[in-house]
Amino acid sequence: EVAELDRQLQAAFHAKAELEANKEAQKRKTEAANRLLKGLETEQDRWTEDAATFASRRLKLVGDVALAGGFVTYCGPFNSEFRDKITQENFMHDIRQLKVPAYERVNMVE
C-alpha cells in the first residue's frame, strides 16, 4: 500500500511539473503577444498618418509629373536660374490656373 501511495505521489509530482512548465510556456507566449500588440498599436497610428499622406501625394502626382515633363522637354538646355524662373513663373502659373494639384515647389533633381 505504501508503494502504491509513493507511485501516486510521484505521478502527482510529475503532473505538477508538466503543468508548471506548460504554465510558464503559456506565460511567455502571452507576454510576447502583448508586446506584439503594443507594437502594432503604434504602427496603426503611423499607418493611418501615412495613408493620409499618400492620398495627398497621389493627388499631387499628376501636377508634379506634368511639371517634370515640361521641365525636361523645355528647360534642359538652359542654366539653373532661367530654369527656376520659367518653372515658377510659367509652368507653376499654368498649373495653378488650371487647378491641377501639385506641390508648390518641386525639386527637379530629386
PDB file of N, CA and C in Angstrom:
ATOM      1  N   GLU A   1       0.825  -1.189   0.000  1.00  0.00           N
ATOM      2  CA  GLU A   1       0.000   0.000   0.000  1.00  0.00           C
ATOM      3  C   GLU A   1       0.874   1.259   0.000  1.00  0.00           C
ATOM      4  N   VAL A   2       1.978   1.261   0.727  1.00  0.00           N
ATOM      5  CA  VAL A   2       2.896   2.401   0.762  1.00  0.00           C
ATOM      6  C   VAL A   2       3.522   2.604  -0.625  1.00  0.00           C
ATOM      7  N   ALA A   3       3.873   1.535  -1.285  1.00  0.00           N
ATOM      8  CA  ALA A   3       4.463   1.622  -2.620  1.00  0.00           C
ATOM      9  C   ALA A   3       3.468   2.242  -3.601  1.00  0.00           C
ATOM     10  N   GLU A   4       2.207   1.862  -3.457  1.00  0.00           N
ATOM     11  CA  GLU A   4       1.172   2.431  -4.332  1.00  0.00           C
ATOM     12  C   GLU A   4       1.013   3.924  -4.082  1.00  0.00           C
ATOM     13  N   LEU A   5       1.002   4.319  -2.805  1.00  0.00           N
ATOM     14  CA  LEU A   5       0.899   5.745  -2.468  1.00  0.00           C
ATOM     15  C   LEU A   5       2.120   6.507  -2.973  1.00  0.00           C
ATOM     16  N   ASP A   6       3.306   5.891  -2.850  1.00  0.00           N
ATOM     17  CA  ASP A   6       4.528   6.523  -3.349  1.00  0.00           C
ATOM     18  C   ASP A   6       4.462   6.696  -4.869  1.00  0.00           C
ATOM     19  N   ARG A   7       3.952   5.689  -5.554  1.00  0.00           N
ATOM     20  CA  ARG A   7       3.795   5.780  -7.011  1.00  0.00           C
ATOM     21  C   ARG A   7       2.825   6.887  -7.380  1.00  0.00           C
ATOM     22  N   GLN A   8       1.718   7.005  -6.663  1.00  0.00           N
ATOM     23  CA  GLN A   8       0.731   8.064  -6.911  1.00  0.00           C
ATOM     24  C   GLN A   8       1.334   9.445  -6.634  1.00  0.00           C
ATOM     25  N   LEU A   9       2.153   9.539  -5.572  1.00  0.00           N
ATOM     26  CA  LEU A   9       2.807  10.811  -5.231  1.00  0.00           C
ATOM     27  C   LEU A   9       3.769  11.220  -6.344  1.00  0.00           C
ATOM     28  N   GLN A  10       4.559  10.254  -6.842  1.00  0.00           N
ATOM     29  CA  GLN A  10       5.496  10.557  -7.927  1.00  0.00           C
ATOM     30  C   GLN A  10       4.746  10.980  -9.195  1.00  0.00           C
ATOM     31  N   ALA A  11       3.627  10.320  -9.472  1.00  0.00           N
ATOM     32  CA  ALA A  11       2.817  10.678 -10.642  1.00  0.00           C
ATOM     33  C   ALA A  11       2.249  12.087 -10.477  1.00  0.00           C
ATOM     34  N   ALA A  12       1.831  12.412  -9.253  1.00  0.00           N
ATOM     35  CA  ALA A  12       1.293  13.749  -8.993  1.00  0.00           C
ATOM     36  C   ALA A  12       2.384  14.809  -9.148  1.00  0.00           C
ATOM     37  N   PHE A  13       3.605  14.516  -8.634  1.00  0.00           N
ATOM     38  CA  PHE A  13       4.727  15.448  -8.789  1.00  0.00           C
ATOM     39  C   PHE A  13       5.071  15.645 -10.268  1.00  0.00           C
ATOM     40  N   HIS A  14       5.049  14.568 -11.011  1.00  0.00           N
ATOM     41  CA  HIS A  14       5.345  14.637 -12.444  1.00  0.00           C
ATOM     42  C   HIS A  14       4.276  15.476 -13.175  1.00  0.00           C
ATOM     43  N   ALA A  15       3.018  15.241 -12.841  1.00  0.00           N
ATOM     44  CA  ALA A  15       1.927  16.008 -13.461  1.00  0.00           C
ATOM     45  C   ALA A  15       2.036  17.484 -13.087  1.00  0.00           C
ATOM     46  N   LYS A  16       2.404  17.750 -11.833  1.00  0.00           N
ATOM     47  CA  LYS A  16       2.563  19.140 -11.366  1.00  0.00           C
ATOM     48  C   LYS A  16       3.688  19.824 -12.150  1.00  0.00           C
ATOM     49  N   ALA A  17       4.806  19.135 -12.330  1.00  0.00           N
ATOM     50  CA  ALA A  17       5.938  19.698 -13.065  1.00  0.00           C
ATOM     51  C   ALA A  17       5.549  19.990 -14.511  1.00  0.00           C
ATOM     52  N   GLU A  18       4.804  19.100 -15.130  1.00  0.00           N
ATOM     53  CA  GLU A  18       4.344  19.326 -16.506  1.00  0.00           C
ATOM     54  C   GLU A  18       3.411  20.532 -16.581  1.00  0.00           C
ATOM     55  N   LEU A  19       2.506  20.645 -15.607  1.00  0.00           N
ATOM     56  CA  LEU A  19       1.580  21.781 -15.589  1.00  0.00           C
ATOM     57  C   LEU A  19       2.326  23.098 -15.380  1.00  0.00           C
ATOM     58  N   GLU A  20       3.328  23.092 -14.496  1.00  0.00           N
ATOM     59  CA  GLU A  20       4.097  24.321 -14.265  1.00  0.00           C
ATOM     60  C   GLU A  20       4.895  24.705 -15.512  1.00  0.00           C
ATOM     61  N   ALA A  21       5.464  23.728 -16.195  1.00  0.00           N
ATOM     62  CA  ALA A  21       6.197  24.013 -17.433  1.00  0.00           C
ATOM     63  C   ALA A  21       5.249  24.564 -18.488  1.00  0.00           C
ATOM     64  N   ASN A  22       4.073  23.980 -18.588  1.00  0.00           N
ATOM     65  CA  ASN A  22       3.066  24.451 -19.539  1.00  0.00           C
ATOM     66  C   ASN A  22       2.635  25.875 -19.195  1.00  0.00           C
ATOM     67  N   LYS A  23       2.480  26.132 -17.887  1.00  0.00           N
ATOM     68  CA  LYS A  23       2.075  27.477 -17.439  1.00  0.00           C
ATOM     69  C   LYS A  23       3.130  28.508 -17.826  1.00  0.00           C
ATOM     70  N   GLU A  24       4.403  28.184 -17.625  1.00  0.00           N
ATOM     71  CA  GLU A  24       5.490  29.109 -17.974  1.00  0.00           C
ATOM     72  C   GLU A  24       5.549  29.348 -19.477  1.00  0.00           C
ATOM     73  N   ALA A  25       5.352  28.292 -20.248  1.00  0.00           N
ATOM     74  CA  ALA A  25       5.364  28.446 -21.707  1.00  0.00           C
ATOM     75  C   ALA A  25       4.216  29.339 -22.161  1.00  0.00           C
ATOM     76  N   GLN A  26       3.042  29.155 -21.585  1.00  0.00           N
ATOM     77  CA  GLN A  26       1.889  29.987 -21.937  1.00  0.00           C
ATOM     78  C   GLN A  26       2.107  31.422 -21.501  1.00  0.00           C
ATOM     79  N   LYS A  27       2.755  31.609 -20.348  1.00  0.00           N
ATOM     80  CA  LYS A  27       3.039  32.964 -19.858  1.00  0.00           C
ATOM     81  C   LYS A  27       3.977  33.685 -20.830  1.00  0.00           C
ATOM     82  N   ARG A  28       5.021  32.992 -21.302  1.00  0.00           N
ATOM     83  CA  ARG A  28       5.947  33.601 -22.264  1.00  0.00           C
ATOM     84  C   ARG A  28       5.231  33.957 -23.568  1.00  0.00           C
ATOM     85  N   LYS A  29       4.363  33.061 -24.037  1.00  0.00           N
ATOM     86  CA  LYS A  29       3.612  33.335 -25.270  1.00  0.00           C
ATOM     87  C   LYS A  29       2.685  34.531 -25.086  1.00  0.00           C
ATOM     88  N   THR A  30       2.038  34.621 -23.932  1.00  0.00           N
ATOM     89  CA  THR A  30       1.135  35.742 -23.664  1.00  0.00           C
ATOM     90  C   THR A  30       1.910  37.056 -23.614  1.00  0.00           C
ATOM     91  N   GLU A  31       3.064  37.044 -22.956  1.00  0.00           N
ATOM     92  CA  GLU A  31       3.885  38.258 -22.887  1.00  0.00           C
ATOM     93  C   GLU A  31       4.363  38.673 -24.276  1.00  0.00           C
ATOM     94  N   ALA A  32       4.751  37.704 -25.092  1.00  0.00           N
ATOM     95  CA  ALA A  32       5.185  38.018 -26.456  1.00  0.00           C
ATOM     96  C   ALA A  32       4.021  38.594 -27.270  1.00  0.00           C
ATOM     97  N   ALA A  33       2.834  38.024 -27.101  1.00  0.00           N
ATOM     98  CA  ALA A  33       1.656  38.524 -27.824  1.00  0.00           C
ATOM     99  C   ALA A  33       1.325  39.947 -27.377  1.00  0.00           C
ATOM    100  N   ASN A  34       1.441  40.222 -26.082  1.00  0.00           N
ATOM    101  CA  ASN A  34       1.174  41.572 -25.577  1.00  0.00           C
ATOM    102  C   ASN A  34       2.180  42.579 -26.122  1.00  0.00           C
ATOM    103  N   ARG A  35       3.455  42.178 -26.203  1.00  0.00           N
ATOM    104  CA  ARG A  35       4.459  43.079 -26.780  1.00  0.00           C
ATOM    105  C   ARG A  35       4.147  43.357 -28.246  1.00  0.00           C
ATOM    106  N   LEU A  36       3.745  42.323 -28.962  1.00  0.00           N
ATOM    107  CA  LEU A  36       3.391  42.484 -30.374  1.00  0.00           C
ATOM    108  C   LEU A  36       2.204  43.431 -30.530  1.00  0.00           C
ATOM    109  N   LEU A  37       1.186  43.258 -29.707  1.00  0.00           N
ATOM    110  CA  LEU A  37       0.005  44.120 -29.792  1.00  0.00           C
ATOM    111  C   LEU A  37       0.349  45.567 -29.482  1.00  0.00           C
ATOM    112  N   LYS A  38       1.198  45.803 -28.487  1.00  0.00           N
ATOM    113  CA  LYS A  38       1.603  47.178 -28.168  1.00  0.00           C
ATOM    114  C   LYS A  38       2.362  47.793 -29.339  1.00  0.00           C
ATOM    115  N   GLY A  39       3.227  46.995 -29.959  1.00  0.00           N
ATOM    116  CA  GLY A  39       3.958  47.492 -31.122  1.00  0.00           C
ATOM    117  C   GLY A  39       3.024  47.803 -32.276  1.00  0.00           C
ATOM    118  N   LEU A  40       2.015  46.967 -32.473  1.00  0.00           N
ATOM    119  CA  LEU A  40       1.069  47.201 -33.567  1.00  0.00           C
ATOM    120  C   LEU A  40       0.185  48.417 -33.307  1.00  0.00           C
ATOM    121  N   GLU A  41      -0.068  48.738 -32.036  1.00  0.00           N
ATOM    122  CA  GLU A  41      -0.858  49.939 -31.735  1.00  0.00           C
ATOM    123  C   GLU A  41      -0.152  51.179 -32.258  1.00  0.00           C
ATOM    124  N   THR A  42       1.158  51.276 -32.041  1.00  0.00           N
ATOM    125  CA  THR A  42       1.891  52.437 -32.538  1.00  0.00           C
ATOM    126  C   THR A  42       1.988  52.401 -34.060  1.00  0.00           C
ATOM    127  N   GLU A  43       2.082  51.198 -34.639  1.00  0.00           N
ATOM    128  CA  GLU A  43       2.128  51.086 -36.092  1.00  0.00           C
ATOM    129  C   GLU A  43       0.815  51.537 -36.719  1.00  0.00           C
ATOM    130  N   GLN A  44      -0.301  51.262 -36.059  1.00  0.00           N
ATOM    131  CA  GLN A  44      -1.594  51.683 -36.603  1.00  0.00           C
ATOM    132  C   GLN A  44      -1.646  53.198 -36.731  1.00  0.00           C
ATOM    133  N   ASP A  45      -1.138  53.904 -35.720  1.00  0.00           N
ATOM    134  CA  ASP A  45      -1.106  55.368 -35.793  1.00  0.00           C
ATOM    135  C   ASP A  45      -0.252  55.823 -36.975  1.00  0.00           C
ATOM    136  N   ARG A  46       0.907  55.204 -37.138  1.00  0.00           N
ATOM    137  CA  ARG A  46       1.805  55.581 -38.233  1.00  0.00           C
ATOM    138  C   ARG A  46       1.182  55.240 -39.582  1.00  0.00           C
ATOM    139  N   TRP A  47       0.551  54.060 -39.676  1.00  0.00           N
ATOM    140  CA  TRP A  47      -0.084  53.666 -40.939  1.00  0.00           C
ATOM    141  C   TRP A  47      -1.233  54.604 -41.302  1.00  0.00           C
ATOM    142  N   THR A  48      -2.003  55.020 -40.310  1.00  0.00           N
ATOM    143  CA  THR A  48      -3.101  55.950 -40.567  1.00  0.00           C
ATOM    144  C   THR A  48      -2.563  57.280 -41.085  1.00  0.00           C
ATOM    145  N   GLU A  49      -1.508  57.764 -40.451  1.00  0.00           N
ATOM    146  CA  GLU A  49      -0.888  59.016 -40.889  1.00  0.00           C
ATOM    147  C   GLU A  49      -0.296  58.875 -42.287  1.00  0.00           C
ATOM    148  N   ASP A  50       0.387  57.751 -42.542  1.00  0.00           N
ATOM    149  CA  ASP A  50       0.965  57.517 -43.864  1.00  0.00           C
ATOM    150  C   ASP A  50      -0.116  57.418 -44.942  1.00  0.00           C
ATOM    151  N   ALA A  51      -1.242  56.811 -44.609  1.00  0.00           N
ATOM    152  CA  ALA A  51      -2.331  56.683 -45.583  1.00  0.00           C
ATOM    153  C   ALA A  51      -2.830  58.065 -45.994  1.00  0.00           C
ATOM    154  N   ALA A  52      -2.966  58.967 -45.029  1.00  0.00           N
ATOM    155  CA  ALA A  52      -3.407  60.325 -45.347  1.00  0.00           C
ATOM    156  C   ALA A  52      -2.350  61.037 -46.197  1.00  0.00           C
ATOM    157  N   THR A  53      -1.087  60.858 -45.863  1.00  0.00           N
ATOM    158  CA  THR A  53      -0.006  61.489 -46.615  1.00  0.00           C
ATOM    159  C   THR A  53       0.049  60.940 -48.039  1.00  0.00           C
ATOM    160  N   PHE A  54      -0.090  59.619 -48.174  1.00  0.00           N
ATOM    161  CA  PHE A  54      -0.048  59.021 -49.508  1.00  0.00           C
ATOM    162  C   PHE A  54      -1.202  59.507 -50.365  1.00  0.00           C
ATOM    163  N   ALA A  55      -2.368  59.671 -49.782  1.00  0.00           N
ATOM    164  CA  ALA A  55      -3.520  60.162 -50.544  1.00  0.00           C
ATOM    165  C   ALA A  55      -3.228  61.565 -51.068  1.00  0.00           C
ATOM    166  N   SER A  56      -2.663  62.410 -50.223  1.00  0.00           N
ATOM    167  CA  SER A  56      -2.321  63.771 -50.638  1.00  0.00           C
ATOM    168  C   SER A  56      -1.249  63.755 -51.722  1.00  0.00           C
ATOM    169  N   ARG A  57      -0.235  62.929 -51.522  1.00  0.00           N
ATOM    170  CA  ARG A  57       0.835  62.851 -52.515  1.00  0.00           C
ATOM    171  C   ARG A  57       0.322  62.306 -53.839  1.00  0.00           C
ATOM    172  N   ARG A  58      -0.589  61.352 -53.796  1.00  0.00           N
ATOM    173  CA  ARG A  58      -1.128  60.771 -55.026  1.00  0.00           C
ATOM    174  C   ARG A  58      -1.923  61.822 -55.805  1.00  0.00           C
ATOM    175  N   LEU A  59      -2.662  62.670 -55.102  1.00  0.00           N
ATOM    176  CA  LEU A  59      -3.417  63.725 -55.782  1.00  0.00           C
ATOM    177  C   LEU A  59      -2.489  64.703 -56.498  1.00  0.00           C
ATOM    178  N   LYS A  60      -1.367  65.005 -55.860  1.00  0.00           N
ATOM    179  CA  LYS A  60      -0.443  65.989 -56.433  1.00  0.00           C
ATOM    180  C   LYS A  60       0.503  65.382 -57.465  1.00  0.00           C
ATOM    181  N   LEU A  61       0.472  64.083 -57.613  1.00  0.00           N
ATOM    182  CA  LEU A  61       1.377  63.409 -58.530  1.00  0.00           C
ATOM    183  C   LEU A  61       1.150  63.845 -59.976  1.00  0.00           C
ATOM    184  N   VAL A  62      -0.101  64.043 -60.356  1.00  0.00           N
ATOM    185  CA  VAL A  62      -0.412  64.436 -61.738  1.00  0.00           C
ATOM    186  C   VAL A  62       0.263  65.753 -62.089  1.00  0.00           C
ATOM    187  N   GLY A  63       0.107  66.739 -61.226  1.00  0.00           N
ATOM    188  CA  GLY A  63       0.732  68.038 -61.478  1.00  0.00           C
ATOM    189  C   GLY A  63       2.250  67.962 -61.447  1.00  0.00           C
ATOM    190  N   ASP A  64       2.776  67.190 -60.507  1.00  0.00           N
ATOM    191  CA  ASP A  64       4.226  67.057 -60.417  1.00  0.00           C
ATOM    192  C   ASP A  64       4.807  66.392 -61.665  1.00  0.00           C
ATOM    193  N   VAL A  65       4.119  65.385 -62.178  1.00  0.00           N
ATOM    194  CA  VAL A  65       4.592  64.710 -63.396  1.00  0.00           C
ATOM    195  C   VAL A  65       4.482  65.651 -64.597  1.00  0.00           C
ATOM    196  N   ALA A  66       3.406  66.404 -64.675  1.00  0.00           N
ATOM    197  CA  ALA A  66       3.261  67.366 -65.776  1.00  0.00           C
ATOM    198  C   ALA A  66       4.368  68.414 -65.719  1.00  0.00           C
ATOM    199  N   LEU A  67       4.640  68.892 -64.513  1.00  0.00           N
ATOM    200  CA  LEU A  67       5.700  69.883 -64.340  1.00  0.00           C
ATOM    201  C   LEU A  67       7.057  69.300 -64.708  1.00  0.00           C
ATOM    202  N   ALA A  68       7.332  68.085 -64.260  1.00  0.00           N
ATOM    203  CA  ALA A  68       8.610  67.449 -64.581  1.00  0.00           C
ATOM    204  C   ALA A  68       8.734  67.193 -66.083  1.00  0.00           C
ATOM    205  N   GLY A  69       7.637  66.765 -66.707  1.00  0.00           N
ATOM    206  CA  GLY A  69       7.672  66.535 -68.155  1.00  0.00           C
ATOM    207  C   GLY A  69       7.944  67.812 -68.926  1.00  0.00           C
ATOM    208  N   GLY A  70       7.279  68.892 -68.541  1.00  0.00           N
ATOM    209  CA  GLY A  70       7.526  70.176 -69.188  1.00  0.00           C
ATOM    210  C   GLY A  70       8.945  70.661 -68.948  1.00  0.00           C
ATOM    211  N   PHE A  71       9.426  70.436 -67.746  1.00  0.00           N
ATOM    212  CA  PHE A  71      10.784  70.842 -67.407  1.00  0.00           C
ATOM    213  C   PHE A  71      11.794  70.121 -68.282  1.00  0.00           C
ATOM    214  N   VAL A  72      11.655  68.808 -68.386  1.00  0.00           N
ATOM    215  CA  VAL A  72      12.607  68.024 -69.188  1.00  0.00           C
ATOM    216  C   VAL A  72      12.516  68.414 -70.657  1.00  0.00           C
ATOM    217  N   THR A  73      11.307  68.648 -71.136  1.00  0.00           N
ATOM    218  CA  THR A  73      11.114  68.954 -72.549  1.00  0.00           C
ATOM    219  C   THR A  73      11.626  70.345 -72.923  1.00  0.00           C
ATOM    220  N   TYR A  74      11.319  71.365 -72.089  1.00  0.00           N
ATOM    221  CA  TYR A  74      11.600  72.736 -72.496  1.00  0.00           C
ATOM    222  C   TYR A  74      12.787  73.394 -71.804  1.00  0.00           C
ATOM    223  N   CYS A  75      13.198  72.909 -70.637  1.00  0.00           N
ATOM    224  CA  CYS A  75      14.198  73.642 -69.856  1.00  0.00           C
ATOM    225  C   CYS A  75      15.579  73.021 -69.862  1.00  0.00           C
ATOM    226  N   GLY A  76      15.737  71.865 -70.429  1.00  0.00           N
ATOM    227  CA  GLY A  76      17.016  71.163 -70.376  1.00  0.00           C
ATOM    228  C   GLY A  76      18.234  71.985 -70.755  1.00  0.00           C
ATOM    229  N   PRO A  77      18.234  72.716 -71.882  1.00  0.00           N
ATOM    230  CA  PRO A  77      19.465  73.383 -72.314  1.00  0.00           C
ATOM    231  C   PRO A  77      19.769  74.691 -71.577  1.00  0.00           C
ATOM    232  N   PHE A  78      18.898  75.167 -70.707  1.00  0.00           N
ATOM    233  CA  PHE A  78      19.100  76.472 -70.064  1.00  0.00           C
ATOM    234  C   PHE A  78      19.817  76.326 -68.725  1.00  0.00           C
ATOM    235  N   ASN A  79      20.347  77.474 -68.228  1.00  0.00           N
ATOM    236  CA  ASN A  79      21.033  77.443 -66.932  1.00  0.00           C
ATOM    237  C   ASN A  79      20.008  77.357 -65.796  1.00  0.00           C
ATOM    238  N   SER A  80      20.483  77.086 -64.592  1.00  0.00           N
ATOM    239  CA  SER A  80      19.577  76.820 -63.464  1.00  0.00           C
ATOM    240  C   SER A  80      18.730  78.034 -63.097  1.00  0.00           C
ATOM    241  N   GLU A  81      19.273  79.240 -63.219  1.00  0.00           N
ATOM    242  CA  GLU A  81      18.483  80.440 -62.886  1.00  0.00           C
ATOM    243  C   GLU A  81      17.279  80.558 -63.819  1.00  0.00           C
ATOM    244  N   PHE A  82      17.524  80.392 -65.112  1.00  0.00           N
ATOM    245  CA  PHE A  82      16.426  80.512 -66.070  1.00  0.00           C
ATOM    246  C   PHE A  82      15.438  79.359 -65.913  1.00  0.00           C
ATOM    247  N   ARG A  83      15.954  78.171 -65.629  1.00  0.00           N
ATOM    248  CA  ARG A  83      15.062  77.019 -65.421  1.00  0.00           C
ATOM    249  C   ARG A  83      14.149  77.258 -64.221  1.00  0.00           C
ATOM    250  N   ASP A  84      14.716  77.770 -63.114  1.00  0.00           N
ATOM    251  CA  ASP A  84      13.885  78.071 -61.929  1.00  0.00           C
ATOM    252  C   ASP A  84      12.840  79.123 -62.264  1.00  0.00           C
ATOM    253  N   LYS A  85      13.264  80.154 -62.993  1.00  0.00           N
ATOM    254  CA  LYS A  85      12.349  81.237 -63.346  1.00  0.00           C
ATOM    255  C   LYS A  85      11.199  80.726 -64.219  1.00  0.00           C
ATOM    256  N   ILE A  86      11.515  79.985 -65.276  1.00  0.00           N
ATOM    257  CA  ILE A  86      10.453  79.505 -66.173  1.00  0.00           C
ATOM    258  C   ILE A  86       9.557  78.482 -65.462  1.00  0.00           C
ATOM    259  N   THR A  87      10.160  77.694 -64.588  1.00  0.00           N
ATOM    260  CA  THR A  87       9.365  76.713 -63.848  1.00  0.00           C
ATOM    261  C   THR A  87       8.353  77.420 -62.954  1.00  0.00           C
ATOM    262  N   GLN A  88       8.816  78.386 -62.179  1.00  0.00           N
ATOM    263  CA  GLN A  88       7.933  79.060 -61.231  1.00  0.00           C
ATOM    264  C   GLN A  88       6.964  80.024 -61.930  1.00  0.00           C
ATOM    265  N   GLU A  89       7.477  80.813 -62.870  1.00  0.00           N
ATOM    266  CA  GLU A  89       6.632  81.831 -63.486  1.00  0.00           C
ATOM    267  C   GLU A  89       5.684  81.270 -64.549  1.00  0.00           C
ATOM    268  N   ASN A  90       6.117  80.298 -65.292  1.00  0.00           N
ATOM    269  CA  ASN A  90       5.284  79.793 -66.377  1.00  0.00           C
ATOM    270  C   ASN A  90       4.574  78.492 -66.018  1.00  0.00           C
ATOM    271  N   PHE A  91       5.361  77.474 -65.737  1.00  0.00           N
ATOM    272  CA  PHE A  91       4.756  76.164 -65.502  1.00  0.00           C
ATOM    273  C   PHE A  91       3.853  76.177 -64.271  1.00  0.00           C
ATOM    274  N   MET A  92       4.362  76.674 -63.155  1.00  0.00           N
ATOM    275  CA  MET A  92       3.559  76.669 -61.923  1.00  0.00           C
ATOM    276  C   MET A  92       2.343  77.586 -62.075  1.00  0.00           C
ATOM    277  N   HIS A  93       2.509  78.699 -62.781  1.00  0.00           N
ATOM    278  CA  HIS A  93       1.359  79.586 -63.022  1.00  0.00           C
ATOM    279  C   HIS A  93       0.271  78.846 -63.789  1.00  0.00           C
ATOM    280  N   ASP A  94       0.664  78.131 -64.828  1.00  0.00           N
ATOM    281  CA  ASP A  94      -0.315  77.379 -65.621  1.00  0.00           C
ATOM    282  C   ASP A  94      -0.968  76.265 -64.801  1.00  0.00           C
ATOM    283  N   ILE A  95      -0.178  75.586 -64.008  1.00  0.00           N
ATOM    284  CA  ILE A  95      -0.721  74.504 -63.181  1.00  0.00           C
ATOM    285  C   ILE A  95      -1.734  75.055 -62.181  1.00  0.00           C
ATOM    286  N   ARG A  96      -1.398  76.185 -61.547  1.00  0.00           N
ATOM    287  CA  ARG A  96      -2.346  76.800 -60.598  1.00  0.00           C
ATOM    288  C   ARG A  96      -3.606  77.292 -61.317  1.00  0.00           C
ATOM    289  N   GLN A  97      -3.429  77.894 -62.481  1.00  0.00           N
ATOM    290  CA  GLN A  97      -4.559  78.418 -63.234  1.00  0.00           C
ATOM    291  C   GLN A  97      -5.502  77.295 -63.668  1.00  0.00           C
ATOM    292  N   LEU A  98      -4.939  76.151 -64.031  1.00  0.00           N
ATOM    293  CA  LEU A  98      -5.751  75.008 -64.437  1.00  0.00           C
ATOM    294  C   LEU A  98      -6.255  74.195 -63.235  1.00  0.00           C
ATOM    295  N   LYS A  99      -5.830  74.605 -62.036  1.00  0.00           N
ATOM    296  CA  LYS A  99      -6.221  73.949 -60.783  1.00  0.00           C
ATOM    297  C   LYS A  99      -5.819  72.473 -60.755  1.00  0.00           C
ATOM    298  N   VAL A 100      -4.637  72.200 -61.294  1.00  0.00           N
ATOM    299  CA  VAL A 100      -4.082  70.855 -61.232  1.00  0.00           C
ATOM    300  C   VAL A 100      -3.345  70.742 -59.901  1.00  0.00           C
ATOM    301  N   PRO A 101      -3.680  69.755 -59.083  1.00  0.00           N
ATOM    302  CA  PRO A 101      -2.993  69.645 -57.797  1.00  0.00           C
ATOM    303  C   PRO A 101      -1.516  69.316 -57.983  1.00  0.00           C
ATOM    304  N   ALA A 102      -0.664  70.078 -57.322  1.00  0.00           N
ATOM    305  CA  ALA A 102       0.785  69.857 -57.381  1.00  0.00           C
ATOM    306  C   ALA A 102       1.415  70.535 -56.179  1.00  0.00           C
ATOM    307  N   TYR A 103       2.615  70.121 -55.837  1.00  0.00           N
ATOM    308  CA  TYR A 103       3.348  70.789 -54.766  1.00  0.00           C
ATOM    309  C   TYR A 103       3.792  72.159 -55.258  1.00  0.00           C
ATOM    310  N   GLU A 104       3.903  73.101 -54.334  1.00  0.00           N
ATOM    311  CA  GLU A 104       4.309  74.464 -54.705  1.00  0.00           C
ATOM    312  C   GLU A 104       5.730  74.493 -55.249  1.00  0.00           C
ATOM    313  N   ARG A 105       6.568  73.681 -54.687  1.00  0.00           N
ATOM    314  CA  ARG A 105       7.963  73.665 -55.096  1.00  0.00           C
ATOM    315  C   ARG A 105       8.343  72.217 -55.381  1.00  0.00           C
ATOM    316  N   VAL A 106       8.717  71.916 -56.596  1.00  0.00           N
ATOM    317  CA  VAL A 106       9.132  70.567 -56.974  1.00  0.00           C
ATOM    318  C   VAL A 106      10.617  70.619 -57.269  1.00  0.00           C
ATOM    319  N   ASN A 107      11.370  69.741 -56.602  1.00  0.00           N
ATOM    320  CA  ASN A 107      12.810  69.664 -56.835  1.00  0.00           C
ATOM    321  C   ASN A 107      13.037  68.738 -58.030  1.00  0.00           C
ATOM    322  N   MET A 108      13.456  69.321 -59.134  1.00  0.00           N
ATOM    323  CA  MET A 108      13.593  68.537 -60.358  1.00  0.00           C
ATOM    324  C   MET A 108      14.753  67.559 -60.301  1.00  0.00           C
ATOM    325  N   VAL A 109      15.715  67.804 -59.447  1.00  0.00           N
ATOM    326  CA  VAL A 109      16.867  66.914 -59.343  1.00  0.00           C
ATOM    327  C   VAL A 109      16.478  65.628 -58.645  1.00  0.00           C
ATOM    328  N   GLU A 110      15.619  65.706 -57.651  1.00  0.00           N
ATOM    329  CA  GLU A 110      15.191  64.516 -56.910  1.00  0.00           C
ATOM    330  C   GLU A 110      14.178  63.768 -57.711  1.00  0.00           C
TER     331      GLU A 110
END
